[in-house]
Protein backbone atom coordinates (compact mmCIF):
# COMPACT_ATOMS: atom_id res chain seq x y z
CA UNK A 1 0.00 0.00 0.00
CA UNK A 2 1.37 3.40 -0.94
CA UNK A 3 1.64 6.25 1.54
CA UNK A 4 -0.87 8.19 -0.56
CA UNK A 5 -3.38 5.35 -0.32
CA UNK A 6 -2.83 5.06 3.42
CA UNK A 7 -3.35 8.78 3.84
CA UNK A 8 -6.55 8.71 1.73
CA UNK A 9 -7.93 5.81 3.78
CA UNK A 10 -7.18 7.62 7.02
CA UNK A 11 -8.85 10.79 5.73
CA UNK A 12 -12.00 8.96 4.62
CA UNK A 13 -12.09 7.20 7.99
CA UNK A 14 -11.88 10.51 9.83
CA UNK A 15 -14.66 11.98 7.67
CA UNK A 16 -16.90 8.93 8.18
CA UNK A 17 -16.20 8.89 11.92
CA UNK A 18 -16.96 12.58 12.13
CA UNK A 19 -20.33 12.03 10.41
CA UNK A 20 -21.13 9.07 12.66
CA UNK A 21 -20.15 11.03 15.76
CA UNK A 22 -22.43 13.88 14.71
CA UNK A 23 -25.36 11.48 14.26
CA UNK A 24 -24.76 9.73 17.60
CA UNK A 25 -24.43 13.08 19.37
CA UNK A 26 -27.75 14.17 17.88
CA UNK A 27 -29.33 10.93 19.07
CA UNK A 28 -28.11 11.53 22.61
CA UNK A 29 -29.27 15.17 22.57
CA UNK A 30 -32.81 14.14 21.54
CA UNK A 31 -33.03 11.00 23.66
CA UNK A 32 -35.76 12.51 25.83
CA UNK A 33 -37.90 13.54 22.84
CA UNK A 34 -40.62 10.88 22.40
CA UNK A 35 -41.20 11.95 18.79
CA UNK A 36 -37.58 11.59 17.73
CA UNK A 37 -36.57 8.46 15.79
CA UNK A 38 -33.03 7.15 16.15
CA UNK A 39 -30.65 7.86 13.26
CA UNK A 40 -27.81 5.71 11.99
CA UNK A 41 -25.07 6.76 9.57
CA UNK A 42 -24.82 3.93 7.05
CA UNK A 43 -21.26 3.28 5.81
CA UNK A 44 -20.35 1.97 2.38
CA UNK A 45 -16.97 0.56 1.32
CA UNK A 46 -14.95 2.25 -1.39
CA UNK A 47 -11.45 2.00 -2.84
CA UNK A 48 -10.12 4.67 -0.51
CA UNK A 49 -11.74 3.19 2.59
CA UNK A 50 -15.34 3.92 3.67
CA UNK A 51 -17.71 6.84 3.80
CA UNK A 52 -21.06 7.66 5.44
CA UNK A 53 -23.39 7.28 2.46
CA UNK A 54 -26.72 8.24 4.01
CA UNK A 55 -28.63 8.58 7.27
CA UNK A 56 -31.03 5.77 8.10
CA UNK A 57 -34.00 6.55 10.34
CA UNK A 58 -35.37 3.82 12.62
CA UNK A 59 -38.99 2.91 11.80
CA UNK A 60 -41.60 0.26 12.59
CA UNK A 61 -44.74 0.79 10.51
CA UNK A 62 -46.81 -1.85 12.32
CA UNK A 63 -46.17 -0.44 15.78
CA UNK A 64 -46.67 3.11 14.52
CA UNK A 65 -50.08 2.25 13.07
CA UNK A 66 -51.07 0.49 16.28
CA UNK A 67 -50.05 3.56 18.26
CA UNK A 68 -52.11 5.84 15.99
CA UNK A 69 -55.16 3.63 16.52
CA UNK A 70 -54.65 3.53 20.28
CA UNK A 71 -54.21 7.32 20.46
CA UNK A 72 -57.46 7.84 18.57
CA UNK A 73 -59.40 5.48 20.84
CA UNK A 74 -57.95 7.03 23.99
CA UNK A 75 -58.71 10.58 22.81
CA UNK A 76 -62.31 9.69 22.01
CA UNK A 77 -62.99 7.87 25.27
CA UNK A 78 -61.27 10.46 27.44
CA UNK A 79 -63.27 13.23 25.72
CA UNK A 80 -66.46 11.30 26.37
CA UNK A 81 -65.51 10.55 29.98
CA UNK A 82 -64.60 14.13 30.90
CA UNK A 83 -67.76 15.39 29.17
CA UNK A 84 -69.93 13.00 31.17
CA UNK A 85 -68.33 14.25 34.39
CA UNK A 86 -69.22 17.83 33.48
CA UNK A 87 -72.74 16.87 32.45
CA UNK A 88 -73.31 14.96 35.68
CA UNK A 89 -72.24 17.93 37.80
CA UNK A 90 -74.30 20.40 35.75
CA UNK A 91 -77.53 18.38 35.86
CA UNK A 92 -77.40 16.23 39.01
CA UNK A 93 -75.01 18.22 41.18
CA UNK A 94 -72.58 16.83 43.74
CA UNK A 95 -73.74 13.40 44.94
CA UNK A 96 -76.99 13.87 42.93
CA UNK A 97 -78.08 16.65 45.32
CA UNK A 98 -79.88 18.61 42.59
CA UNK A 99 -81.24 15.61 40.67
CA UNK A 100 -84.94 15.08 39.99
CA UNK A 101 -84.82 11.79 41.90
CA UNK A 102 -83.61 13.55 45.06
CA UNK A 103 -86.25 16.29 44.73
CA UNK A 104 -89.03 13.73 44.16
CA UNK A 105 -87.92 11.86 47.27
CA UNK A 106 -88.24 15.05 49.33
CA UNK A 107 -91.66 15.71 47.80
CA UNK A 108 -92.80 12.26 48.89
CA UNK A 109 -91.62 12.92 52.43
CA UNK A 110 -93.47 16.25 52.52
CA UNK A 111 -96.61 14.58 51.13
CA UNK A 112 -96.53 11.85 53.76
CA UNK A 113 -96.10 14.38 56.54
CA UNK A 114 -98.97 16.48 55.23
CA UNK A 115 -101.19 13.40 55.00
CA UNK A 116 -100.74 12.83 58.73
CA UNK A 117 -101.96 16.40 59.51
CA UNK A 118 -104.10 17.53 56.56
CA UNK A 119 -105.37 20.58 58.46
CA UNK A 120 -101.87 22.04 58.89
CA UNK A 121 -101.48 24.85 56.35
CA UNK A 122 -97.76 25.06 56.98
CA UNK A 123 -97.34 21.42 55.92
CA UNK A 124 -99.46 22.13 52.84
CA UNK A 125 -97.20 25.04 51.94
CA UNK A 126 -94.15 22.80 52.50
CA UNK A 127 -95.52 20.33 49.93
CA UNK A 128 -95.92 23.11 47.36
CA UNK A 129 -92.38 24.26 48.08
CA UNK A 130 -91.09 20.70 47.66
CA UNK A 131 -93.02 20.50 44.38
CA UNK A 132 -91.37 23.75 43.27
CA UNK A 133 -87.98 22.20 43.99
CA UNK A 134 -88.94 19.29 41.74
CA UNK A 135 -89.90 21.61 38.88
CA UNK A 136 -86.75 23.68 39.43
CA UNK A 137 -84.66 20.53 39.22
CA UNK A 138 -86.32 19.54 35.94
CA UNK A 139 -86.29 23.08 34.48
CA UNK A 140 -82.68 23.72 35.43
CA UNK A 141 -81.58 20.23 34.44
CA UNK A 142 -83.11 20.69 31.00
CA UNK A 143 -81.51 24.12 30.63
CA UNK A 144 -78.15 22.71 31.74
CA UNK A 145 -78.34 19.93 29.15
CA UNK A 146 -79.07 22.34 26.32
CA UNK A 147 -76.34 24.71 27.51
CA UNK A 148 -73.99 21.70 27.57
CA UNK A 149 -74.95 20.87 23.98
CA UNK A 150 -74.35 24.47 22.91
CA UNK A 151 -70.96 24.41 24.62
CA UNK A 152 -70.18 21.09 22.92
CA UNK A 153 -71.00 22.76 19.61
CA UNK A 154 -68.48 25.48 20.38
CA UNK A 155 -65.84 22.90 21.29
CA UNK A 156 -66.52 20.98 18.09
CA UNK A 157 -65.99 24.18 16.10
CA UNK A 158 -62.68 24.80 17.86
CA UNK A 159 -61.57 21.19 17.33
CA UNK A 160 -62.44 21.38 13.61
CA UNK A 161 -60.33 24.55 13.27
CA UNK A 162 -57.44 22.82 15.06
CA UNK A 163 -57.73 19.79 12.77
CA UNK A 164 -57.66 21.99 9.66
CA UNK A 165 -54.56 23.73 11.03
CA UNK A 166 -52.85 20.37 11.63
CA UNK A 167 -53.65 19.25 8.09
CA UNK A 168 -52.13 22.47 6.71
CA UNK A 169 -48.97 21.85 8.74
CA UNK A 170 -48.98 18.23 7.55
CA UNK A 171 -48.94 19.48 3.96
CA UNK A 172 -45.76 21.49 4.64
CA UNK A 173 -44.07 18.52 6.33
CA UNK A 174 -45.09 16.18 3.52
CA UNK A 175 -43.71 18.56 0.91
CA UNK A 176 -40.39 18.71 2.79
CA UNK A 177 -40.22 14.91 2.78
CA UNK A 178 -40.98 14.70 -0.95
CA UNK A 179 -38.42 17.37 -1.90
CA UNK A 180 -35.74 15.85 0.33
CA UNK A 181 -36.39 12.37 -1.07
CA UNK A 182 -36.11 13.60 -4.65
CA UNK A 183 -32.88 15.47 -3.92
CA UNK A 184 -31.34 12.58 -2.01
CA UNK A 185 -31.11 14.70 1.16
CA UNK A 186 -31.57 13.55 4.74
CA UNK A 187 -35.34 13.72 5.41
CA UNK A 188 -35.23 12.40 8.98
CA UNK A 189 -36.31 15.66 10.61
CA UNK A 190 -39.15 16.14 8.14
CA UNK A 191 -40.31 12.55 8.69
CA UNK A 192 -40.25 13.08 12.46
CA UNK A 193 -42.35 16.20 12.01
CA UNK A 194 -44.80 14.43 9.71
CA UNK A 195 -45.23 11.50 12.11
CA UNK A 196 -45.77 13.88 15.03
CA UNK A 197 -48.50 15.70 13.12
CA UNK A 198 -50.07 12.38 12.16
CA UNK A 199 -50.27 11.46 15.85
CA UNK A 200 -51.96 14.75 16.63
CA UNK A 201 -54.41 14.32 13.75
CA UNK A 202 -55.29 10.81 14.96
CA UNK A 203 -56.39 12.32 18.28
CA UNK A 204 -59.23 14.03 16.39
CA UNK A 205 -60.20 11.28 13.93
CA UNK A 206 -58.97 7.71 13.45
CA UNK A 207 -56.67 7.60 10.42
CA UNK A 208 -55.24 5.19 7.89
CA UNK A 209 -52.23 5.97 5.69
CA UNK A 210 -50.36 4.70 2.67
CA UNK A 211 -47.17 5.98 1.08
CA UNK A 212 -46.65 6.60 -2.64
CA UNK A 213 -43.55 7.40 -4.65
CA UNK A 214 -41.07 9.94 -3.26
CA UNK A 215 -42.39 9.15 0.25
CA UNK A 216 -45.61 11.06 -0.51
CA UNK A 217 -48.24 10.11 2.09
CA UNK A 218 -52.02 9.88 1.69
CA UNK A 219 -54.17 10.07 4.82
CA UNK A 220 -57.76 8.86 5.09
CA UNK A 221 -60.19 8.32 7.92
CA UNK A 222 -60.75 4.74 8.99
CA UNK A 223 -63.92 4.55 6.88
CA UNK A 224 -62.06 5.69 3.76
CA UNK A 225 -62.84 9.42 3.61
CA UNK A 226 -59.82 11.34 2.30
CA UNK A 227 -58.21 13.71 4.80
CA UNK A 228 -55.06 14.48 2.83
CA UNK A 229 -53.93 13.68 -0.69
CA UNK A 230 -51.40 16.16 -2.07
CA UNK A 231 -53.42 18.89 -0.37
CA UNK A 232 -55.54 18.84 2.80
CA UNK A 233 -59.24 18.19 2.37
CA UNK A 234 -61.68 20.57 4.02
CA UNK A 235 -63.13 19.71 7.43
CA UNK A 236 -66.22 21.86 7.98
CA UNK A 237 -68.81 22.41 10.68
CA UNK A 238 -71.61 24.91 11.22
CA UNK A 239 -72.35 25.47 14.90
CA UNK A 240 -75.70 26.40 16.44
CA UNK A 241 -76.34 29.49 18.56
CA UNK A 242 -78.45 27.45 20.98
CA UNK A 243 -80.44 24.24 21.36
CA UNK A 244 -84.01 23.37 22.23
CA UNK A 245 -84.90 19.91 23.59
CA UNK A 246 -85.18 17.41 20.76
CA UNK A 247 -83.32 19.59 18.23
CA UNK A 248 -80.70 17.80 16.15
CA UNK A 249 -77.12 19.06 15.96
CA UNK A 250 -75.28 19.77 12.73
CA UNK A 251 -72.89 17.22 11.28
CA UNK A 252 -69.12 17.50 10.81
CA UNK A 253 -68.10 17.11 7.16
CA UNK A 254 -64.75 15.80 5.94
CA UNK A 255 -64.32 16.32 2.21
CA UNK A 256 -68.13 16.80 2.09
CA UNK A 257 -68.73 13.42 3.75
CA UNK A 258 -70.47 13.50 7.19
CA UNK A 259 -68.41 12.14 10.08
CA UNK A 260 -70.20 9.38 11.94
CA UNK A 261 -70.61 9.71 15.70
CA UNK A 262 -72.08 6.23 16.08
CA UNK A 263 -70.42 3.22 17.71
CA UNK A 264 -67.42 3.44 19.98
CA UNK A 265 -66.01 6.94 20.23
CA UNK A 266 -62.77 6.93 18.22
CA UNK A 267 -61.22 10.36 18.10
CA UNK A 268 -62.08 13.59 19.87
CA UNK A 269 -64.64 14.67 17.26
CA UNK A 270 -66.65 11.44 17.55
CA UNK A 271 -66.58 11.74 21.34
CA UNK A 272 -67.95 15.28 21.14
CA UNK A 273 -70.71 14.23 18.74
CA UNK A 274 -71.76 11.43 21.07
CA UNK A 275 -71.88 13.81 24.01
CA UNK A 276 -73.96 16.39 22.12
CA UNK A 277 -76.33 14.11 20.22
CA UNK A 278 -76.23 10.86 22.17
CA UNK A 279 -75.90 10.99 25.93
CA UNK A 280 -77.21 14.54 26.39
CA UNK A 281 -80.28 13.90 24.21
CA UNK A 282 -81.05 10.65 26.02
CA UNK A 283 -80.69 12.37 29.38
CA UNK A 284 -83.07 15.11 28.19
CA UNK A 285 -85.61 12.51 27.10
CA UNK A 286 -85.47 10.91 30.53
CA UNK A 287 -86.10 14.25 32.23
CA UNK A 288 -89.04 14.85 29.88
CA UNK A 289 -90.45 11.44 30.79
CA UNK A 290 -90.04 12.10 34.51
CA UNK A 291 -91.91 15.38 34.05
CA UNK A 292 -94.67 13.63 32.11
CA UNK A 293 -94.93 11.02 34.84
CA UNK A 294 -95.31 13.71 37.52
CA UNK A 295 -97.99 15.58 35.57
CA UNK A 296 -99.86 12.30 35.10
CA UNK A 297 -99.45 11.12 38.70
CA UNK A 298 -100.87 14.35 40.14
CA UNK A 299 -103.59 14.81 37.50
CA UNK A 300 -107.11 15.57 38.63
CA UNK A 301 -109.59 12.95 37.51
CA UNK A 302 -113.36 13.21 37.69
CA UNK A 303 -115.06 10.90 35.15
CA UNK A 304 -116.72 11.54 32.78
CA UNK A 305 -114.74 14.78 32.73
CA UNK A 306 -111.31 14.60 31.00
CA UNK A 307 -108.28 14.32 33.25
CA UNK A 308 -106.59 17.67 33.83
CA UNK A 309 -103.36 18.83 35.35
CA UNK A 310 -103.26 19.07 39.12
CA UNK A 311 -100.23 19.93 41.25
CA UNK A 312 -98.00 20.03 38.17
CA UNK A 313 -98.83 21.65 34.84
CA UNK A 314 -96.90 22.29 31.63
CA UNK A 315 -96.99 24.28 28.41
CA UNK A 316 -99.68 21.98 27.00
CA UNK A 317 -101.83 22.04 30.16
CA UNK A 318 -104.44 21.49 31.39
CA UNK A 319 -104.39 18.53 28.99
CA UNK A 320 -102.43 15.47 30.13
CA UNK A 321 -99.64 14.25 27.78
CA UNK A 322 -100.35 10.87 26.22
CA UNK A 323 -99.08 7.83 28.10
CA UNK A 324 -95.85 6.31 26.80
CA UNK A 325 -95.31 9.15 24.32
CA UNK A 326 -92.19 11.27 24.55
CA UNK A 327 -92.91 15.01 24.62
CA UNK A 328 -89.78 17.03 23.82
CA UNK A 329 -89.25 19.93 26.20
CA UNK A 330 -91.78 18.87 28.83
CA UNK A 331 -89.16 19.06 31.57
CA UNK A 332 -88.33 22.61 30.53
CA UNK A 333 -91.96 23.76 30.78
CA UNK A 334 -93.24 21.86 33.84
CA UNK A 335 -94.31 24.10 36.70
CA UNK A 336 -96.38 24.16 39.87
CA UNK A 337 -100.04 24.84 39.16
CA UNK A 338 -100.67 28.48 40.00
CA UNK A 339 -104.04 27.56 41.54
CA UNK A 340 -102.15 25.75 44.33
CA UNK A 341 -99.15 28.07 44.64
CA UNK A 342 -99.51 30.50 47.60
CA UNK A 343 -96.68 32.69 46.26
CA UNK A 344 -99.01 33.79 43.43
CA UNK A 345 -102.24 33.78 45.43
CA UNK A 346 -103.13 30.11 45.02
CA UNK A 347 -104.45 27.78 47.70
CA UNK A 348 -102.24 24.84 48.72
CA UNK A 349 -105.29 23.16 50.32
CA UNK A 350 -106.51 22.34 46.80
CA UNK A 351 -103.95 19.54 46.83
CA UNK A 352 -105.85 18.01 49.76
CA UNK A 353 -109.33 18.74 48.47
CA UNK A 354 -109.03 18.80 44.69
CA UNK A 355 -110.52 21.48 42.47
CA UNK A 356 -107.52 23.16 40.85
CA UNK A 357 -109.51 22.93 37.61
CA UNK A 358 -112.92 23.89 38.97
CA UNK A 359 -115.62 22.63 41.33
CA UNK A 360 -116.25 19.52 39.23
CA UNK A 361 -112.85 18.19 40.30
CA UNK A 362 -113.35 18.70 44.06
CA UNK A 363 -112.98 15.38 45.90
CA UNK A 364 -113.34 16.61 49.48
CA UNK A 365 -116.91 17.79 48.88
CA UNK A 366 -117.65 17.92 52.60
CA UNK A 367 -114.76 20.31 53.22
CA UNK A 368 -113.36 18.19 56.07
CA UNK A 369 -110.09 19.60 57.43
CA UNK A 370 -108.84 16.11 58.29
CA UNK A 371 -109.53 14.67 54.85
CA UNK A 372 -106.38 12.83 53.63
CA UNK A 373 -107.59 10.26 51.08
CA UNK A 374 -106.50 12.32 48.06
CA UNK A 375 -103.06 13.01 49.56
CA UNK A 376 -102.59 9.30 50.21
CA UNK A 377 -103.74 8.53 46.65
CA UNK A 378 -101.17 10.93 45.19
CA UNK A 379 -98.44 9.26 47.25
CA UNK A 380 -99.57 5.87 45.97
CA UNK A 381 -99.53 7.10 42.36
CA UNK A 382 -95.85 8.07 42.66
CA UNK A 383 -95.12 4.41 43.42
CA UNK A 384 -97.58 2.94 40.92
CA UNK A 385 -96.15 1.56 37.63
CA UNK A 386 -96.96 3.47 34.45
CA UNK A 387 -95.75 3.37 30.83
CA UNK A 388 -92.72 5.33 29.68
CA UNK A 389 -91.38 5.88 26.18
CA UNK A 390 -88.76 3.47 24.89
CA UNK A 391 -87.02 6.42 23.20
CA UNK A 392 -85.61 7.46 26.58
CA UNK A 393 -83.34 4.43 26.64
CA UNK A 394 -84.28 2.86 29.99
CA UNK A 395 -87.23 0.94 31.47
CA UNK A 396 -90.62 1.33 29.80
CA UNK A 397 -92.71 0.34 32.83
CA UNK A 398 -91.96 1.76 36.26
CA UNK A 399 -93.22 4.11 38.93
CA UNK A 400 -92.22 7.77 38.78
CA UNK A 401 -89.88 7.31 41.75
CA UNK A 402 -88.44 4.13 40.26
CA UNK A 403 -88.00 5.72 36.84
CA UNK A 404 -86.16 8.74 38.24
CA UNK A 405 -83.85 6.39 40.15
CA UNK A 406 -83.30 4.31 36.99
CA UNK A 407 -82.31 7.48 35.11
CA UNK A 408 -79.62 8.15 37.70
CA UNK A 409 -78.48 4.53 37.53
CA UNK A 410 -78.36 4.57 33.74
CA UNK A 411 -76.23 7.70 33.64
CA UNK A 412 -73.83 6.52 36.33
CA UNK A 413 -73.52 3.19 34.53
CA UNK A 414 -72.61 4.91 31.25
CA UNK A 415 -70.21 7.18 33.10
CA UNK A 416 -68.47 4.30 34.87
CA UNK A 417 -68.24 2.22 31.70
CA UNK A 418 -66.76 5.13 29.78
CA UNK A 419 -64.22 5.89 32.52
CA UNK A 420 -63.15 2.23 32.52
CA UNK A 421 -62.76 2.27 28.74
CA UNK A 422 -60.79 5.52 28.90
CA UNK A 423 -58.38 3.96 31.41
CA UNK A 424 -57.90 0.84 29.30
CA UNK A 425 -57.39 2.86 26.11
CA UNK A 426 -54.87 5.07 27.89
CA UNK A 427 -52.97 1.98 29.02
CA UNK A 428 -53.00 0.63 25.45
CA UNK A 429 -51.76 3.94 24.07
CA UNK A 430 -48.94 3.95 26.64
CA UNK A 431 -47.96 0.36 25.87
CA UNK A 432 -47.89 0.88 22.10
CA UNK A 433 -45.93 4.13 22.54
CA UNK A 434 -43.44 2.31 24.76
CA UNK A 435 -43.11 -0.56 22.28
CA UNK A 436 -42.58 1.93 19.45
CA UNK A 437 -40.00 3.80 21.51
CA UNK A 438 -38.13 0.59 22.23
CA UNK A 439 -37.94 -0.06 18.50
CA UNK A 440 -37.23 3.43 17.20
CA UNK A 441 -36.19 5.52 20.19
CA UNK A 442 -32.74 6.24 21.55
CA UNK A 443 -30.97 4.04 24.08
CA UNK A 444 -28.50 6.41 25.70
CA UNK A 445 -26.29 3.61 27.04
CA UNK A 446 -26.00 2.07 23.58
CA UNK A 447 -25.27 5.44 21.99
CA UNK A 448 -22.61 6.27 24.58
CA UNK A 449 -20.96 2.91 23.96
CA UNK A 450 -21.00 3.61 20.23
CA UNK A 451 -19.54 7.05 20.86
CA UNK A 452 -16.67 5.43 22.74
CA UNK A 453 -16.06 3.04 19.83
CA UNK A 454 -16.04 5.96 17.41
CA UNK A 455 -13.51 7.73 19.60
CA UNK A 456 -11.23 4.72 19.33
CA UNK A 457 -11.72 4.63 15.56
CA UNK A 458 -10.90 8.33 15.36
CA UNK A 459 -7.75 7.79 17.42
CA UNK A 460 -6.66 4.91 15.17
CA UNK A 461 -7.19 7.01 12.04
CA UNK A 462 -5.30 9.89 13.61
CA UNK A 463 -2.38 7.58 14.43
CA UNK A 464 -2.29 6.38 10.81
CA UNK A 465 -2.11 9.95 9.60
CA UNK A 466 0.62 10.73 12.14
CA UNK A 467 2.60 7.69 11.03
CA UNK A 468 2.18 8.57 7.35
CA UNK A 469 3.27 12.13 8.12
CA UNK A 470 6.38 10.86 9.93
CA UNK A 471 7.18 8.52 7.06
CA UNK A 472 6.78 11.35 4.55
CA UNK A 473 9.05 13.56 6.64
CA UNK A 474 11.69 10.82 6.78
CA UNK A 475 11.38 10.33 3.00
CA UNK A 476 11.80 14.02 2.36
CA UNK A 477 14.89 14.14 4.56
CA UNK A 478 16.35 11.12 2.75
CA UNK A 479 15.73 12.67 -0.64
CA UNK A 480 17.04 16.01 0.47
């Protein structure tokens, strides 16, 4: 081997070692970054030694896809779970203190106490006040649900804007990857950026991807709707200024295709749609059915006259809503019958005697102050089974008290199930992220060991150059 060849080999070794050292140092510097993929400088042999030909980025497509799916599921379930917590507090209060079931229980207690002393006007007034608490619970619960839906609309609009922004950023990252691939440049940073954006996008909607020539990526939703192909596709949503019970919410459109909110909530947007149009609507229907049950249970009956509202009335009063038929907005309009409300000049004794709708409905015709049969009958009606609409999602035959308790049980069951799913999806997302990190992340110990090996290689190359230099000096002296 000539001295020139030896010198060339040493120089190429130093250059390759320098490139490798730079890559390893970068790996160590970004070891704590979960979105950084490990780089390796790939060496190729040549006549004058070896050189670092290109930078190889660690990847595992299978684990990455699994992580995307897990992130989407976790985001959807956690959105649903946190929304249910807010809805529970807004409608039922802490420990169900402001729920309809709690208020109805207090009304029953007041009714029972009044029935033991039907001549006590204070106890009669207490019953009316307890009834007012029931209507307040239903009115405020209904208003809280619709306010929650309006707020969910606002959050959906914000999330759609964020998704469009992410897709625009994804376009820039994808262009950088394509240009770098065509020019033969290192695209590792651009690929890291693109993968990070893809993770963020998957938190909003579940995604599928495939890669075309020049590393160009196409992104679709799981059901095949295009999110990105060369350019981002439009994600659009028109919010509502407010909601009335029973009103449908507007859809989210991706590339003019409506996003489904049915099934298991995958992605933040699906979770928000389920909160707005699923759980909240069902909860509203249950409140409407509780209100209908109360109006029916306290109705004044005097055959052959038609039944008419008694203690409780509503916007359609004095008619009684049809049995087993859901009436949207009934909970929002239910109120205490003014004829019995002392705060507006009514007589609470009409609850004992009957006659809120005229003399034909008076039951205590003798005017006895100790008459309690009607009060006892009302108490019995609260515990008597009646028909409820199947549209409300729970039992179709129950008493008013039993139905209101079932509504609480249904909601808490959904809430617990969702929280459990959110925990399991979070664990899956963590496990897939850890597995992906083990495959593509940086092991500092391994990198430090490699850095030490590179130092030795550098020292060996430096010694060769020193030896060649000494030999050249000796040769020059000999010639001179």
